[in-house]
């Protein structure tokens, strides 16, 4: 049985910021603080390209999925 691997979709900082409806700078700050979605750096050095796997962004968003306000802080 041959199953196709799911395609990896990589998003840029601008694309993820737009998806989350936050500024690029806010997403960059979240990256520095370690509070945003997981990311990868393509290449060595400080100026290497940052990409996000779409699946990682979706997993990160699931952490903030609530059914009522009484669930906050759990």
Protein backbone atom coordinates (compact mmCIF):
# COMPACT_ATOMS: atom_id res chain seq x y z
CA UNK A 1 0.00 0.00 0.00
CA UNK A 2 1.60 3.26 -1.14
CA UNK A 3 0.43 6.42 0.60
CA UNK A 4 1.47 9.85 -0.53
CA UNK A 5 3.11 11.97 2.14
CA UNK A 6 1.21 15.16 2.92
CA UNK A 7 2.70 18.15 1.13
CA UNK A 8 4.67 20.48 3.34
CA UNK A 9 3.46 24.00 2.94
CA UNK A 10 5.90 26.67 4.06
CA UNK A 11 4.70 30.18 4.84
CA UNK A 12 6.64 33.42 5.16
CA UNK A 13 6.46 35.77 8.14
CA UNK A 14 4.22 38.11 6.15
CA UNK A 15 1.87 35.28 5.17
CA UNK A 16 1.55 33.99 8.74
CA UNK A 17 1.05 37.50 10.12
CA UNK A 18 -1.73 38.04 7.59
CA UNK A 19 -3.28 34.69 8.42
CA UNK A 20 -3.28 35.56 12.15
CA UNK A 21 -4.31 39.18 11.43
CA UNK A 22 -1.40 40.59 13.40
CA UNK A 23 1.49 42.77 12.28
CA UNK A 24 4.73 41.31 11.01
CA UNK A 25 6.53 43.03 13.89
CA UNK A 26 4.21 41.39 16.43
CA UNK A 27 4.94 37.96 14.95
CA UNK A 28 8.68 38.73 15.01
CA UNK A 29 8.43 39.77 18.68
CA UNK A 30 6.54 36.55 19.46
CA UNK A 31 9.37 34.63 17.79
CA UNK A 32 11.99 36.38 19.96
CA UNK A 33 9.92 35.77 23.13
CA UNK A 34 9.17 32.14 22.19
CA UNK A 35 5.40 32.66 22.37
CA UNK A 36 4.54 32.24 18.68
CA UNK A 37 4.29 29.26 16.37
CA UNK A 38 7.35 27.08 15.78
CA UNK A 39 9.47 28.12 12.80
CA UNK A 40 12.51 27.07 10.83
CA UNK A 41 15.48 29.12 9.65
CA UNK A 42 16.67 28.38 6.15
CA UNK A 43 20.41 28.89 6.07
CA UNK A 44 23.03 30.03 8.56
CA UNK A 45 23.33 33.40 10.24
CA UNK A 46 21.08 36.04 11.70
CA UNK A 47 19.72 37.16 8.34
CA UNK A 48 18.65 33.71 7.13
CA UNK A 49 15.09 33.29 5.93
CA UNK A 50 12.42 32.35 8.47
CA UNK A 51 9.65 30.03 7.34
CA UNK A 52 6.72 28.46 9.13
CA UNK A 53 5.20 25.09 8.36
CA UNK A 54 1.47 25.60 7.95
CA UNK A 55 0.84 22.54 10.12
CA UNK A 56 2.90 24.06 12.98
CA UNK A 57 0.88 27.27 12.80
CA UNK A 58 -2.36 25.25 12.95
CA UNK A 59 -1.08 23.21 15.93
CA UNK A 60 -0.09 26.44 17.71
CA UNK A 61 -3.56 27.91 17.09
CA UNK A 62 -5.24 24.84 18.59
CA UNK A 63 -3.72 25.79 21.96
CA UNK A 64 -5.96 28.86 21.95
CA UNK A 65 -9.22 27.14 21.06
CA UNK A 66 -11.86 27.71 23.75
CA UNK A 67 -15.50 26.82 24.14
CA UNK A 68 -16.23 29.41 26.83
CA UNK A 69 -14.54 32.15 28.82
CA UNK A 70 -14.39 29.86 31.85
CA UNK A 71 -11.76 27.77 30.06
CA UNK A 72 -9.16 30.59 29.99
CA UNK A 73 -6.11 29.95 32.09
CA UNK A 74 -6.48 26.18 32.28
